[in-house]
């Protein structure tokens, strides 16, 4: 996980803790990309991370065609969660293109975020179009482990993971020490992987996975 991603997650966790303590307006949070603390503004609100880079790559790059940002992938996400609309995050999606090994397993990627700033609820989702025959159970396990380790690195580390059923789909949920969780669903028939991280009592991560859509062909 890159430093910008860790800093972004730190910001979100700082906001969640501050809200619980009733100190949202005065608690300092980490500045994205710096890894240092800076005073929070008097009107601090939950903000989506400026970037959330790809998980560490388990294999070296090969000669696969370049991966591209594919906005059509956002059709797999619900339009909104509890009134908070999903909005494409090109910063997050574009950073995925920097992973030299992601083209080995994927041909397209996009990302979106849904934010309920007033209640400190947020979910950031990646949607990845997988290459036929290039992604299996072992690659999925490595993906989850890398993604979860990266996300939880700014949240005190991984507590544990659970394999659960969400909306009749096989899903994985990982809990970090602090108030952050990750989510993964592999839509095998569609050749699509959805991974996300979320904070907040609104359980935006669970609601995202419950309401995934399958676009008409």
N, C-alpha and C. Protein backbone atom coordinates (compact mmCIF):
# COMPACT_ATOMS: atom_id res chain seq x y z
N UNK A 1 0.86 -1.19 0.00
CA UNK A 1 0.00 0.00 0.00
C UNK A 1 0.88 1.23 0.00
N UNK A 2 0.62 2.23 -0.85
CA UNK A 2 1.49 3.38 -0.91
C UNK A 2 1.20 4.36 0.22
N UNK A 3 2.08 5.33 0.40
CA UNK A 3 1.93 6.25 1.51
C UNK A 3 0.68 7.10 1.40
N UNK A 4 0.31 7.47 0.17
CA UNK A 4 -0.91 8.26 0.00
C UNK A 4 -2.14 7.49 0.46
N UNK A 5 -2.15 6.21 0.16
CA UNK A 5 -3.29 5.38 0.57
C UNK A 5 -3.35 5.28 2.08
N UNK A 6 -2.20 5.01 2.70
CA UNK A 6 -2.18 4.90 4.15
C UNK A 6 -2.60 6.20 4.81
N UNK A 7 -2.13 7.31 4.27
CA UNK A 7 -2.50 8.61 4.84
C UNK A 7 -3.98 8.87 4.68
N UNK A 8 -4.53 8.50 3.53
CA UNK A 8 -5.96 8.70 3.30
C UNK A 8 -6.78 7.90 4.29
N UNK A 9 -6.40 6.65 4.50
CA UNK A 9 -7.12 5.84 5.47
C UNK A 9 -6.99 6.41 6.87
N UNK A 10 -5.83 6.97 7.19
CA UNK A 10 -5.62 7.58 8.49
C UNK A 10 -6.57 8.76 8.70
N UNK A 11 -6.77 9.54 7.63
CA UNK A 11 -7.69 10.67 7.71
C UNK A 11 -9.08 10.18 8.06
N UNK A 12 -9.54 9.16 7.37
CA UNK A 12 -10.89 8.64 7.60
C UNK A 12 -11.04 8.11 9.02
N UNK A 13 -10.04 7.38 9.49
CA UNK A 13 -10.10 6.84 10.84
C UNK A 13 -10.07 7.96 11.87
N UNK A 14 -9.27 8.98 11.62
CA UNK A 14 -9.22 10.11 12.53
C UNK A 14 -10.57 10.79 12.64
N UNK A 15 -11.25 10.92 11.51
CA UNK A 15 -12.56 11.55 11.52
C UNK A 15 -13.57 10.70 12.28
N UNK A 16 -13.52 9.40 12.08
CA UNK A 16 -14.47 8.53 12.77
C UNK A 16 -14.27 8.58 14.28
N UNK A 17 -13.02 8.51 14.71
CA UNK A 17 -12.72 8.58 16.14
C UNK A 17 -13.14 9.93 16.70
N UNK A 18 -12.87 10.99 15.94
CA UNK A 18 -13.22 12.33 16.40
C UNK A 18 -14.72 12.46 16.57
N UNK A 19 -15.46 11.90 15.63
CA UNK A 19 -16.92 11.99 15.71
C UNK A 19 -17.43 11.28 16.95
N UNK A 20 -16.86 10.11 17.24
CA UNK A 20 -17.29 9.36 18.41
C UNK A 20 -17.02 10.13 19.70
N UNK A 21 -15.97 10.90 19.70
CA UNK A 21 -15.59 11.66 20.90
C UNK A 21 -16.26 13.03 20.95
N UNK A 22 -17.01 13.37 19.91
CA UNK A 22 -17.63 14.68 19.87
C UNK A 22 -16.64 15.79 19.63
N UNK A 23 -15.49 15.46 19.03
CA UNK A 23 -14.44 16.44 18.84
C UNK A 23 -14.09 16.63 17.38
N UNK A 24 -15.03 16.41 16.48
CA UNK A 24 -14.76 16.43 15.05
C UNK A 24 -14.15 17.74 14.59
N UNK A 25 -14.56 18.84 15.20
CA UNK A 25 -14.10 20.14 14.71
C UNK A 25 -12.70 20.48 15.15
N UNK A 26 -12.16 19.75 16.13
CA UNK A 26 -10.87 20.16 16.68
C UNK A 26 -9.80 19.10 16.64
N UNK A 27 -10.14 17.85 16.34
CA UNK A 27 -9.15 16.78 16.39
C UNK A 27 -8.25 16.82 15.16
N UNK A 28 -6.92 16.84 15.32
CA UNK A 28 -6.04 16.82 14.15
C UNK A 28 -6.09 15.50 13.44
N UNK A 29 -5.92 15.53 12.12
CA UNK A 29 -5.89 14.33 11.30
C UNK A 29 -4.68 14.37 10.40
N UNK A 30 -4.34 13.21 9.84
CA UNK A 30 -3.19 13.13 8.94
C UNK A 30 -3.52 13.80 7.62
N UNK A 31 -2.55 14.51 7.05
CA UNK A 31 -2.72 15.14 5.75
C UNK A 31 -2.37 14.15 4.66
N UNK A 32 -3.28 13.90 3.69
CA UNK A 32 -2.99 12.91 2.64
C UNK A 32 -1.69 13.18 1.94
N UNK A 33 -0.90 12.12 1.79
CA UNK A 33 0.33 12.21 1.02
C UNK A 33 1.53 12.69 1.82
N UNK A 34 1.30 13.14 3.09
CA UNK A 34 2.42 13.66 3.85
C UNK A 34 2.85 12.72 4.97
N UNK A 35 1.87 11.98 5.53
CA UNK A 35 2.18 11.11 6.65
C UNK A 35 2.43 11.86 7.93
N UNK A 36 2.12 13.17 7.97
CA UNK A 36 2.31 13.98 9.15
C UNK A 36 0.98 14.53 9.60
N UNK A 37 0.91 15.00 10.87
CA UNK A 37 -0.31 15.56 11.41
C UNK A 37 -0.38 17.04 11.12
N UNK A 38 -1.59 17.51 10.82
CA UNK A 38 -1.82 18.92 10.61
C UNK A 38 -3.11 19.27 11.29
N UNK A 39 -3.29 20.56 11.76
CA UNK A 39 -4.52 20.93 12.44
C UNK A 39 -5.71 20.77 11.52
N UNK A 40 -6.81 20.25 12.07
CA UNK A 40 -8.04 20.12 11.29
C UNK A 40 -8.73 21.46 11.23
N UNK A 41 -9.50 21.68 10.16
CA UNK A 41 -10.23 22.92 10.04
C UNK A 41 -11.39 22.92 11.01
N UNK A 42 -12.00 24.07 11.23
CA UNK A 42 -13.10 24.19 12.17
C UNK A 42 -14.35 23.51 11.66
N UNK A 43 -14.39 23.18 10.37
CA UNK A 43 -15.57 22.55 9.79
C UNK A 43 -15.19 21.26 9.10
N UNK A 44 -14.42 20.43 9.77
CA UNK A 44 -13.93 19.18 9.17
C UNK A 44 -15.10 18.28 8.82
N UNK A 45 -15.02 17.60 7.66
CA UNK A 45 -16.03 16.63 7.23
C UNK A 45 -15.33 15.42 6.67
N UNK A 46 -16.07 14.34 6.57
CA UNK A 46 -15.49 13.13 6.01
C UNK A 46 -15.26 13.32 4.53
N UNK A 47 -14.06 13.07 4.09
CA UNK A 47 -13.69 13.22 2.69
C UNK A 47 -13.21 11.88 2.15
N UNK A 48 -13.52 11.57 0.89
CA UNK A 48 -12.98 10.34 0.30
C UNK A 48 -11.49 10.45 0.15
N UNK A 49 -10.77 9.35 0.17
CA UNK A 49 -9.32 9.40 0.01
C UNK A 49 -8.96 9.94 -1.36
N UNK A 50 -7.87 10.70 -1.42
CA UNK A 50 -7.43 11.23 -2.70
C UNK A 50 -6.89 10.14 -3.60
N UNK A 51 -6.42 9.05 -3.00
CA UNK A 51 -5.97 7.91 -3.80
C UNK A 51 -5.96 6.67 -2.93
N UNK A 52 -6.14 5.54 -3.55
CA UNK A 52 -6.04 4.26 -2.84
C UNK A 52 -5.42 3.29 -3.81
N UNK A 53 -4.09 3.22 -3.77
CA UNK A 53 -3.34 2.50 -4.79
C UNK A 53 -3.60 1.02 -4.77
N UNK A 54 -3.21 0.33 -5.83
CA UNK A 54 -3.42 -1.11 -5.95
C UNK A 54 -2.69 -1.88 -4.86
N UNK A 55 -3.19 -3.05 -4.49
CA UNK A 55 -2.45 -3.89 -3.54
C UNK A 55 -1.10 -4.28 -4.12
N UNK A 56 -0.13 -4.61 -3.27
CA UNK A 56 1.15 -5.09 -3.78
C UNK A 56 0.95 -6.25 -4.73
N UNK A 57 1.69 -6.27 -5.82
CA UNK A 57 1.50 -7.28 -6.86
C UNK A 57 2.26 -8.56 -6.51
N UNK A 58 1.59 -9.72 -6.53
CA UNK A 58 2.26 -10.96 -6.16
C UNK A 58 3.13 -11.52 -7.26
N UNK A 59 2.97 -11.05 -8.50
CA UNK A 59 3.72 -11.58 -9.62
C UNK A 59 4.28 -10.45 -10.46
N UNK A 60 5.39 -10.67 -11.18
CA UNK A 60 5.95 -9.64 -12.04
C UNK A 60 5.08 -9.41 -13.26
N UNK A 61 5.23 -8.27 -13.93
CA UNK A 61 4.42 -7.97 -15.10
C UNK A 61 4.76 -8.89 -16.27
N UNK A 62 3.79 -9.03 -17.19
CA UNK A 62 4.08 -9.78 -18.40
C UNK A 62 3.76 -8.90 -19.60
N UNK A 63 3.51 -9.50 -20.74
CA UNK A 63 3.30 -8.71 -21.96
C UNK A 63 1.83 -8.47 -22.24
N UNK A 64 0.97 -8.49 -21.20
CA UNK A 64 -0.45 -8.27 -21.40
C UNK A 64 -0.70 -6.86 -21.91
N UNK A 65 -1.82 -6.69 -22.62
CA UNK A 65 -2.18 -5.37 -23.13
C UNK A 65 -2.45 -4.43 -21.97
N UNK A 66 -2.29 -3.14 -22.16
CA UNK A 66 -2.46 -2.19 -21.06
C UNK A 66 -3.88 -2.23 -20.50
N UNK A 67 -3.99 -2.04 -19.21
CA UNK A 67 -5.27 -1.92 -18.56
C UNK A 67 -5.78 -0.50 -18.74
N UNK A 68 -7.09 -0.32 -18.83
CA UNK A 68 -7.67 1.00 -19.03
C UNK A 68 -8.74 1.28 -17.99
N UNK A 69 -9.03 2.56 -17.77
CA UNK A 69 -10.16 2.96 -16.95
C UNK A 69 -11.43 2.72 -17.76
N UNK A 70 -12.35 1.95 -17.20
CA UNK A 70 -13.56 1.55 -17.92
C UNK A 70 -14.80 1.98 -17.13
N UNK A 71 -15.38 3.15 -17.47
CA UNK A 71 -16.53 3.65 -16.72
C UNK A 71 -17.75 2.72 -16.76
N UNK A 72 -17.82 1.85 -17.76
CA UNK A 72 -18.96 0.93 -17.83
C UNK A 72 -19.00 -0.01 -16.62
N UNK A 73 -17.87 -0.22 -15.98
CA UNK A 73 -17.83 -1.11 -14.82
C UNK A 73 -18.64 -0.56 -13.64
N UNK A 74 -18.85 0.75 -13.60
CA UNK A 74 -19.60 1.33 -12.48
C UNK A 74 -21.06 0.91 -12.50
N UNK A 75 -21.52 0.34 -13.61
CA UNK A 75 -22.89 -0.16 -13.67
C UNK A 75 -23.10 -1.34 -12.72
N UNK A 76 -22.02 -1.96 -12.24
CA UNK A 76 -22.15 -3.04 -11.27
C UNK A 76 -22.45 -2.52 -9.87
N UNK A 77 -22.22 -1.25 -9.62
CA UNK A 77 -22.45 -0.67 -8.30
C UNK A 77 -23.87 -0.12 -8.21
N UNK A 78 -24.44 -0.06 -7.01
CA UNK A 78 -25.73 0.62 -6.86
C UNK A 78 -25.56 2.10 -7.16
N UNK A 79 -26.66 2.74 -7.54
CA UNK A 79 -26.58 4.17 -7.85
C UNK A 79 -26.27 4.99 -6.61
N UNK A 80 -26.74 4.53 -5.44
CA UNK A 80 -26.52 5.26 -4.19
C UNK A 80 -26.68 4.32 -3.02
N UNK A 81 -26.24 4.78 -1.85
CA UNK A 81 -26.44 4.06 -0.59
C UNK A 81 -27.04 5.03 0.41
N UNK A 82 -28.22 4.73 0.88
CA UNK A 82 -28.91 5.59 1.85
C UNK A 82 -28.92 7.05 1.40
N UNK A 83 -29.15 7.25 0.11
CA UNK A 83 -29.22 8.60 -0.43
C UNK A 83 -27.89 9.22 -0.82
N UNK A 84 -26.79 8.55 -0.49
CA UNK A 84 -25.46 9.06 -0.87
C UNK A 84 -25.09 8.47 -2.23
N UNK A 85 -25.01 9.28 -3.29
CA UNK A 85 -24.75 8.75 -4.62
C UNK A 85 -23.32 8.27 -4.79
N UNK A 86 -23.14 7.22 -5.57
CA UNK A 86 -21.81 6.80 -5.97
C UNK A 86 -21.31 7.75 -7.05
N UNK A 87 -20.09 8.23 -6.88
CA UNK A 87 -19.48 9.12 -7.84
C UNK A 87 -18.12 8.55 -8.26
N UNK A 88 -17.87 8.57 -9.55
CA UNK A 88 -16.61 8.06 -10.06
C UNK A 88 -15.45 8.83 -9.45
N UNK A 89 -14.41 8.12 -9.06
CA UNK A 89 -13.19 8.73 -8.52
C UNK A 89 -12.04 8.38 -9.46
N UNK A 90 -11.76 9.28 -10.38
CA UNK A 90 -10.73 9.03 -11.38
C UNK A 90 -9.34 9.00 -10.78
N UNK A 91 -9.13 9.69 -9.65
CA UNK A 91 -7.82 9.63 -9.00
C UNK A 91 -7.52 8.21 -8.53
N UNK A 92 -8.51 7.58 -7.90
CA UNK A 92 -8.33 6.21 -7.43
C UNK A 92 -8.16 5.26 -8.61
N UNK A 93 -9.03 5.41 -9.62
CA UNK A 93 -8.97 4.51 -10.78
C UNK A 93 -7.66 4.67 -11.53
N UNK A 94 -7.21 5.90 -11.70
CA UNK A 94 -5.99 6.14 -12.46
C UNK A 94 -4.77 5.60 -11.74
N UNK A 95 -4.78 5.65 -10.41
CA UNK A 95 -3.64 5.12 -9.68
C UNK A 95 -3.51 3.62 -9.86
N UNK A 96 -4.65 2.94 -10.06
CA UNK A 96 -4.60 1.51 -10.30
C UNK A 96 -3.79 1.18 -11.55
N UNK A 97 -3.81 2.10 -12.52
CA UNK A 97 -3.09 1.85 -13.76
C UNK A 97 -1.58 1.81 -13.55
N UNK A 98 -1.13 2.31 -12.40
CA UNK A 98 0.31 2.35 -12.13
C UNK A 98 0.85 1.01 -11.66
N UNK A 99 -0.03 0.09 -11.29
CA UNK A 99 0.42 -1.23 -10.84
C UNK A 99 0.90 -2.02 -12.05
N UNK A 100 2.18 -2.35 -12.14
CA UNK A 100 2.70 -3.01 -13.34
C UNK A 100 2.17 -4.42 -13.55
N UNK A 101 1.63 -5.06 -12.50
CA UNK A 101 1.18 -6.45 -12.63
C UNK A 101 -0.33 -6.57 -12.81
N UNK A 102 -1.08 -5.50 -12.54
CA UNK A 102 -2.53 -5.60 -12.67
C UNK A 102 -2.97 -5.99 -14.08
N UNK A 103 -2.29 -5.53 -15.16
CA UNK A 103 -2.69 -5.98 -16.49
C UNK A 103 -2.59 -7.49 -16.70
N UNK A 104 -1.85 -8.18 -15.83
CA UNK A 104 -1.77 -9.64 -15.95
C UNK A 104 -3.12 -10.30 -15.73
N UNK A 105 -3.94 -9.71 -14.87
CA UNK A 105 -5.21 -10.34 -14.52
C UNK A 105 -6.42 -9.53 -14.95
N UNK A 106 -6.22 -8.26 -15.33
CA UNK A 106 -7.36 -7.38 -15.58
C UNK A 106 -7.17 -6.57 -16.85
N UNK A 107 -8.29 -6.29 -17.52
CA UNK A 107 -8.26 -5.46 -18.71
C UNK A 107 -8.87 -4.09 -18.47
N UNK A 108 -9.63 -3.93 -17.38
CA UNK A 108 -10.26 -2.65 -17.09
C UNK A 108 -10.50 -2.48 -15.61
N UNK A 109 -10.58 -1.23 -15.18
CA UNK A 109 -10.81 -0.93 -13.77
C UNK A 109 -11.47 0.44 -13.67
N UNK A 110 -12.29 0.62 -12.67
CA UNK A 110 -12.78 1.95 -12.33
C UNK A 110 -13.07 1.96 -10.84
N UNK A 111 -13.30 3.14 -10.29
CA UNK A 111 -13.51 3.29 -8.86
C UNK A 111 -14.55 4.36 -8.62
N UNK A 112 -15.24 4.23 -7.50
CA UNK A 112 -16.26 5.21 -7.13
C UNK A 112 -16.35 5.29 -5.62
N UNK A 113 -16.89 6.40 -5.14
CA UNK A 113 -17.00 6.63 -3.70
C UNK A 113 -18.40 7.15 -3.40
N UNK A 114 -18.93 6.70 -2.26
CA UNK A 114 -20.19 7.22 -1.73
C UNK A 114 -19.92 7.74 -0.33
N UNK A 115 -20.33 8.97 -0.06
CA UNK A 115 -20.00 9.62 1.20
C UNK A 115 -21.25 10.23 1.83
N UNK A 116 -21.45 9.93 3.10
CA UNK A 116 -22.44 10.61 3.94
C UNK A 116 -21.65 11.36 4.99
N UNK A 117 -21.25 12.60 4.66
CA UNK A 117 -20.33 13.33 5.52
C UNK A 117 -20.94 13.63 6.88
N UNK A 118 -22.24 13.90 6.91
CA UNK A 118 -22.86 14.28 8.17
C UNK A 118 -22.82 13.18 9.22
N UNK A 119 -22.86 11.94 8.76
CA UNK A 119 -22.87 10.80 9.69
C UNK A 119 -21.56 10.01 9.65
N UNK A 120 -20.56 10.52 8.97
CA UNK A 120 -19.23 9.89 8.88
C UNK A 120 -19.33 8.47 8.35
N UNK A 121 -20.03 8.32 7.23
CA UNK A 121 -20.11 7.05 6.53
C UNK A 121 -19.48 7.20 5.16
N UNK A 122 -18.65 6.23 4.78
CA UNK A 122 -17.97 6.29 3.50
C UNK A 122 -17.64 4.89 3.01
N UNK A 123 -17.76 4.70 1.70
CA UNK A 123 -17.27 3.48 1.08
C UNK A 123 -16.59 3.85 -0.23
N UNK A 124 -15.42 3.29 -0.46
CA UNK A 124 -14.72 3.44 -1.73
C UNK A 124 -14.61 2.06 -2.36
N UNK A 125 -15.05 1.96 -3.61
CA UNK A 125 -15.12 0.66 -4.28
C UNK A 125 -14.28 0.64 -5.54
N UNK A 126 -13.59 -0.46 -5.74
CA UNK A 126 -12.92 -0.77 -7.01
C UNK A 126 -13.77 -1.79 -7.75
N UNK A 127 -13.90 -1.64 -9.05
CA UNK A 127 -14.51 -2.66 -9.89
C UNK A 127 -13.49 -3.02 -10.97
N UNK A 128 -13.15 -4.31 -11.05
CA UNK A 128 -12.07 -4.77 -11.92
C UNK A 128 -12.63 -5.78 -12.92
N UNK A 129 -12.39 -5.56 -14.20
CA UNK A 129 -12.77 -6.53 -15.23
C UNK A 129 -11.60 -7.49 -15.44
N UNK A 130 -11.83 -8.76 -15.15
CA UNK A 130 -10.77 -9.76 -15.16
C UNK A 130 -10.58 -10.35 -16.56
N UNK A 131 -9.34 -10.72 -16.84
CA UNK A 131 -9.04 -11.38 -18.10
C UNK A 131 -9.44 -12.85 -18.02
N UNK A 132 -10.10 -13.38 -19.05
CA UNK A 132 -10.50 -14.79 -19.03
C UNK A 132 -9.30 -15.71 -18.80
N UNK A 133 -9.46 -16.63 -17.85
CA UNK A 133 -8.42 -17.62 -17.60
C UNK A 133 -7.22 -17.12 -16.83
N UNK A 134 -7.23 -15.86 -16.38
CA UNK A 134 -6.07 -15.29 -15.69
C UNK A 134 -6.29 -15.10 -14.19
N UNK A 135 -7.45 -15.49 -13.68
CA UNK A 135 -7.75 -15.24 -12.28
C UNK A 135 -8.42 -16.47 -11.70
N UNK A 136 -7.85 -16.97 -10.60
CA UNK A 136 -8.39 -18.16 -9.95
C UNK A 136 -8.40 -18.00 -8.44
N UNK A 137 -8.66 -19.08 -7.73
CA UNK A 137 -8.80 -19.01 -6.28
C UNK A 137 -7.53 -18.52 -5.59
N UNK A 138 -6.37 -18.99 -6.06
CA UNK A 138 -5.13 -18.55 -5.42
C UNK A 138 -4.86 -17.08 -5.67
N UNK A 139 -5.09 -16.62 -6.90
CA UNK A 139 -4.92 -15.20 -7.20
C UNK A 139 -5.90 -14.36 -6.38
N UNK A 140 -7.11 -14.86 -6.20
CA UNK A 140 -8.11 -14.15 -5.40
C UNK A 140 -7.67 -14.04 -3.95
N UNK A 141 -7.12 -15.12 -3.42
CA UNK A 141 -6.64 -15.08 -2.04
C UNK A 141 -5.51 -14.08 -1.88
N UNK A 142 -4.56 -14.09 -2.83
CA UNK A 142 -3.45 -13.15 -2.77
C UNK A 142 -3.94 -11.71 -2.88
N UNK A 143 -4.92 -11.49 -3.75
CA UNK A 143 -5.50 -10.16 -3.90
C UNK A 143 -6.11 -9.69 -2.57
N UNK A 144 -6.93 -10.54 -1.96
CA UNK A 144 -7.59 -10.15 -0.71
C UNK A 144 -6.56 -9.86 0.37
N UNK A 145 -5.57 -10.75 0.49
CA UNK A 145 -4.57 -10.56 1.54
C UNK A 145 -3.82 -9.25 1.37
N UNK A 146 -3.41 -8.95 0.14
CA UNK A 146 -2.66 -7.72 -0.11
C UNK A 146 -3.52 -6.48 0.12
N UNK A 147 -4.73 -6.53 -0.41
CA UNK A 147 -5.64 -5.39 -0.26
C UNK A 147 -5.94 -5.13 1.22
N UNK A 148 -6.25 -6.20 1.95
CA UNK A 148 -6.61 -6.05 3.36
C UNK A 148 -5.43 -5.56 4.19
N UNK A 149 -4.25 -6.11 3.91
CA UNK A 149 -3.06 -5.67 4.65
C UNK A 149 -2.80 -4.20 4.40
N UNK A 150 -2.94 -3.77 3.15
CA UNK A 150 -2.72 -2.37 2.83
C UNK A 150 -3.73 -1.47 3.50
N UNK A 151 -5.01 -1.82 3.39
CA UNK A 151 -6.05 -0.98 3.97
C UNK A 151 -5.93 -0.90 5.49
N UNK A 152 -5.63 -2.03 6.12
CA UNK A 152 -5.58 -2.06 7.58
C UNK A 152 -4.27 -1.53 8.15
N UNK A 153 -3.29 -1.27 7.29
CA UNK A 153 -2.00 -0.77 7.79
C UNK A 153 -2.16 0.58 8.47
N UNK A 154 -3.16 1.36 8.06
CA UNK A 154 -3.41 2.65 8.70
C UNK A 154 -4.49 2.55 9.77
N UNK A 155 -4.93 1.33 10.04
CA UNK A 155 -6.03 1.13 10.99
C UNK A 155 -5.65 0.13 12.07
N UNK A 156 -4.37 0.02 12.36
CA UNK A 156 -3.91 -0.81 13.46
C UNK A 156 -3.66 -2.26 13.12
N UNK A 157 -3.85 -2.64 11.85
CA UNK A 157 -3.62 -4.02 11.44
C UNK A 157 -4.92 -4.81 11.32
N UNK A 158 -4.78 -6.02 10.80
CA UNK A 158 -5.92 -6.90 10.55
C UNK A 158 -6.29 -7.65 11.83
N UNK A 159 -7.58 -7.66 12.16
CA UNK A 159 -8.09 -8.46 13.27
C UNK A 159 -8.44 -9.86 12.79
N UNK A 160 -9.17 -9.93 11.68
CA UNK A 160 -9.55 -11.22 11.15
C UNK A 160 -10.46 -11.07 9.95
N UNK A 161 -10.66 -12.18 9.23
CA UNK A 161 -11.51 -12.18 8.04
C UNK A 161 -12.57 -13.25 8.17
N UNK A 162 -13.70 -13.01 7.51
CA UNK A 162 -14.80 -13.97 7.54
C UNK A 162 -15.36 -14.14 6.13
N UNK A 163 -15.66 -15.38 5.80
CA UNK A 163 -16.31 -15.72 4.54
C UNK A 163 -17.81 -15.81 4.81
N UNK A 164 -18.59 -14.91 4.20
CA UNK A 164 -20.01 -14.81 4.53
C UNK A 164 -20.84 -14.82 3.26
N UNK A 165 -22.13 -15.01 3.43
CA UNK A 165 -23.07 -14.93 2.33
C UNK A 165 -23.76 -13.58 2.37
N UNK A 166 -23.66 -12.82 1.29
CA UNK A 166 -24.34 -11.54 1.18
C UNK A 166 -25.14 -11.54 -0.11
N UNK A 167 -26.45 -11.44 0.02
CA UNK A 167 -27.34 -11.43 -1.14
C UNK A 167 -27.09 -12.65 -2.04
N UNK A 168 -26.93 -13.81 -1.39
CA UNK A 168 -26.69 -15.07 -2.10
C UNK A 168 -25.39 -15.07 -2.89
N UNK A 169 -24.43 -14.28 -2.46
CA UNK A 169 -23.11 -14.26 -3.08
C UNK A 169 -22.05 -14.55 -2.02
N UNK A 170 -20.99 -15.23 -2.45
CA UNK A 170 -19.86 -15.53 -1.58
C UNK A 170 -19.02 -14.27 -1.40
N UNK A 171 -18.93 -13.77 -0.18
CA UNK A 171 -18.23 -12.51 0.10
C UNK A 171 -17.23 -12.71 1.22
N UNK A 172 -16.23 -11.82 1.24
CA UNK A 172 -15.23 -11.80 2.30
C UNK A 172 -15.25 -10.42 2.96
N UNK A 173 -15.24 -10.43 4.29
CA UNK A 173 -15.18 -9.19 5.07
C UNK A 173 -13.99 -9.28 6.01
N UNK A 174 -13.15 -8.28 5.99
CA UNK A 174 -12.00 -8.21 6.90
C UNK A 174 -12.16 -7.01 7.81
N UNK A 175 -11.91 -7.23 9.10
CA UNK A 175 -12.01 -6.19 10.11
C UNK A 175 -10.63 -5.75 10.54
N UNK A 176 -10.43 -4.44 10.60
CA UNK A 176 -9.17 -3.87 11.09
C UNK A 176 -9.32 -3.56 12.58
N UNK A 177 -8.19 -3.26 13.23
CA UNK A 177 -8.22 -2.93 14.65
C UNK A 177 -9.10 -1.72 14.91
N UNK A 178 -8.97 -0.69 14.08
CA UNK A 178 -9.79 0.51 14.21
C UNK A 178 -11.03 0.38 13.32
N UNK A 179 -11.74 1.47 13.16
CA UNK A 179 -13.07 1.44 12.54
C UNK A 179 -13.00 1.41 11.02
N UNK A 180 -12.46 0.35 10.47
CA UNK A 180 -12.39 0.20 9.02
C UNK A 180 -12.54 -1.26 8.67
N UNK A 181 -13.31 -1.54 7.60
CA UNK A 181 -13.49 -2.89 7.10
C UNK A 181 -13.29 -2.93 5.60
N UNK A 182 -12.89 -4.09 5.11
CA UNK A 182 -12.78 -4.29 3.67
C UNK A 182 -13.76 -5.38 3.24
N UNK A 183 -14.09 -5.34 1.94
CA UNK A 183 -15.11 -6.24 1.39
C UNK A 183 -14.67 -6.70 0.01
N UNK A 184 -14.95 -7.96 -0.30
CA UNK A 184 -14.61 -8.50 -1.61
C UNK A 184 -15.71 -9.43 -2.10
N UNK A 185 -16.10 -9.28 -3.35
CA UNK A 185 -16.98 -10.21 -4.02
C UNK A 185 -16.44 -10.45 -5.43
N UNK A 186 -16.28 -11.71 -5.78
CA UNK A 186 -15.84 -12.11 -7.13
C UNK A 186 -17.07 -12.60 -7.88
N UNK A 187 -17.50 -11.80 -8.86
CA UNK A 187 -18.62 -12.18 -9.71
C UNK A 187 -18.05 -13.02 -10.84
N UNK A 188 -17.91 -14.30 -10.57
CA UNK A 188 -17.16 -15.17 -11.47
C UNK A 188 -17.80 -15.29 -12.84
N UNK A 189 -19.12 -15.41 -12.90
CA UNK A 189 -19.80 -15.55 -14.19
C UNK A 189 -19.62 -14.30 -15.06
N UNK A 190 -19.53 -13.15 -14.41
CA UNK A 190 -19.38 -11.89 -15.15
C UNK A 190 -17.92 -11.51 -15.38
N UNK A 191 -16.98 -12.24 -14.73
CA UNK A 191 -15.57 -11.91 -14.86
C UNK A 191 -15.23 -10.57 -14.25
N UNK A 192 -15.85 -10.28 -13.10
CA UNK A 192 -15.67 -8.97 -12.46
C UNK A 192 -15.38 -9.18 -10.98
N UNK A 193 -14.48 -8.37 -10.45
CA UNK A 193 -14.12 -8.38 -9.04
C UNK A 193 -14.47 -7.02 -8.45
N UNK A 194 -15.17 -7.03 -7.31
CA UNK A 194 -15.50 -5.80 -6.59
C UNK A 194 -14.84 -5.84 -5.22
N UNK A 195 -13.99 -4.86 -4.93
CA UNK A 195 -13.34 -4.75 -3.63
C UNK A 195 -13.59 -3.35 -3.10
N UNK A 196 -13.72 -3.24 -1.79
CA UNK A 196 -14.06 -1.94 -1.20
C UNK A 196 -13.53 -1.85 0.22
N UNK A 197 -13.40 -0.61 0.70
CA UNK A 197 -13.17 -0.39 2.12
C UNK A 197 -14.14 0.66 2.60
N UNK A 198 -14.51 0.56 3.88
CA UNK A 198 -15.61 1.38 4.38
C UNK A 198 -15.41 1.71 5.86
N UNK A 199 -15.95 2.86 6.27
CA UNK A 199 -16.04 3.23 7.68
C UNK A 199 -17.45 3.72 7.95
N UNK A 200 -17.81 3.73 9.22
CA UNK A 200 -19.08 4.31 9.63
C UNK A 200 -20.09 3.29 10.10
N UNK A 201 -20.96 3.74 11.01
CA UNK A 201 -21.99 2.88 11.55
C UNK A 201 -23.10 2.59 10.55
N UNK A 202 -23.13 3.33 9.44
CA UNK A 202 -24.13 3.09 8.41
C UNK A 202 -23.90 1.83 7.61
N UNK A 203 -22.77 1.16 7.82
CA UNK A 203 -22.45 -0.11 7.16
C UNK A 203 -22.56 0.00 5.63
N UNK A 204 -21.92 1.05 5.09
CA UNK A 204 -21.98 1.26 3.64
C UNK A 204 -21.34 0.10 2.88
N UNK A 205 -20.34 -0.55 3.48
CA UNK A 205 -19.70 -1.67 2.79
C UNK A 205 -20.65 -2.83 2.59
N UNK A 206 -21.36 -3.20 3.67
CA UNK A 206 -22.33 -4.27 3.56
C UNK A 206 -23.44 -3.93 2.56
N UNK A 207 -23.91 -2.68 2.62
CA UNK A 207 -25.01 -2.27 1.74
C UNK A 207 -24.56 -2.24 0.28
N UNK A 208 -23.31 -1.89 0.06
CA UNK A 208 -22.77 -1.95 -1.30
C UNK A 208 -22.87 -3.38 -1.83
N UNK A 209 -22.35 -4.33 -1.05
CA UNK A 209 -22.32 -5.71 -1.52
C UNK A 209 -23.72 -6.32 -1.62
N UNK A 210 -24.63 -5.88 -0.78
CA UNK A 210 -26.00 -6.37 -0.85
C UNK A 210 -26.71 -5.91 -2.12
N UNK A 211 -26.28 -4.78 -2.66
CA UNK A 211 -27.01 -4.16 -3.77
C UNK A 211 -26.21 -4.07 -5.07
N UNK A 212 -25.21 -4.95 -5.19
CA UNK A 212 -24.50 -5.02 -6.48
C UNK A 212 -25.48 -5.35 -7.59
N UNK A 213 -25.23 -4.79 -8.77
CA UNK A 213 -26.11 -5.01 -9.91
C UNK A 213 -25.37 -5.80 -10.99
N UNK A 214 -26.14 -6.53 -11.78
CA UNK A 214 -25.59 -7.24 -12.94
C UNK A 214 -26.16 -6.55 -14.17
N UNK A 215 -25.36 -5.75 -14.88
CA UNK A 215 -25.87 -5.04 -16.05
C UNK A 215 -26.32 -6.00 -17.14
N UNK A 216 -27.32 -5.57 -17.88
CA UNK A 216 -27.76 -6.38 -19.02
C UNK A 216 -26.66 -6.45 -20.05
N UNK A 217 -26.50 -7.60 -20.67
CA UNK A 217 -25.45 -7.79 -21.67
C UNK A 217 -25.75 -6.99 -22.93
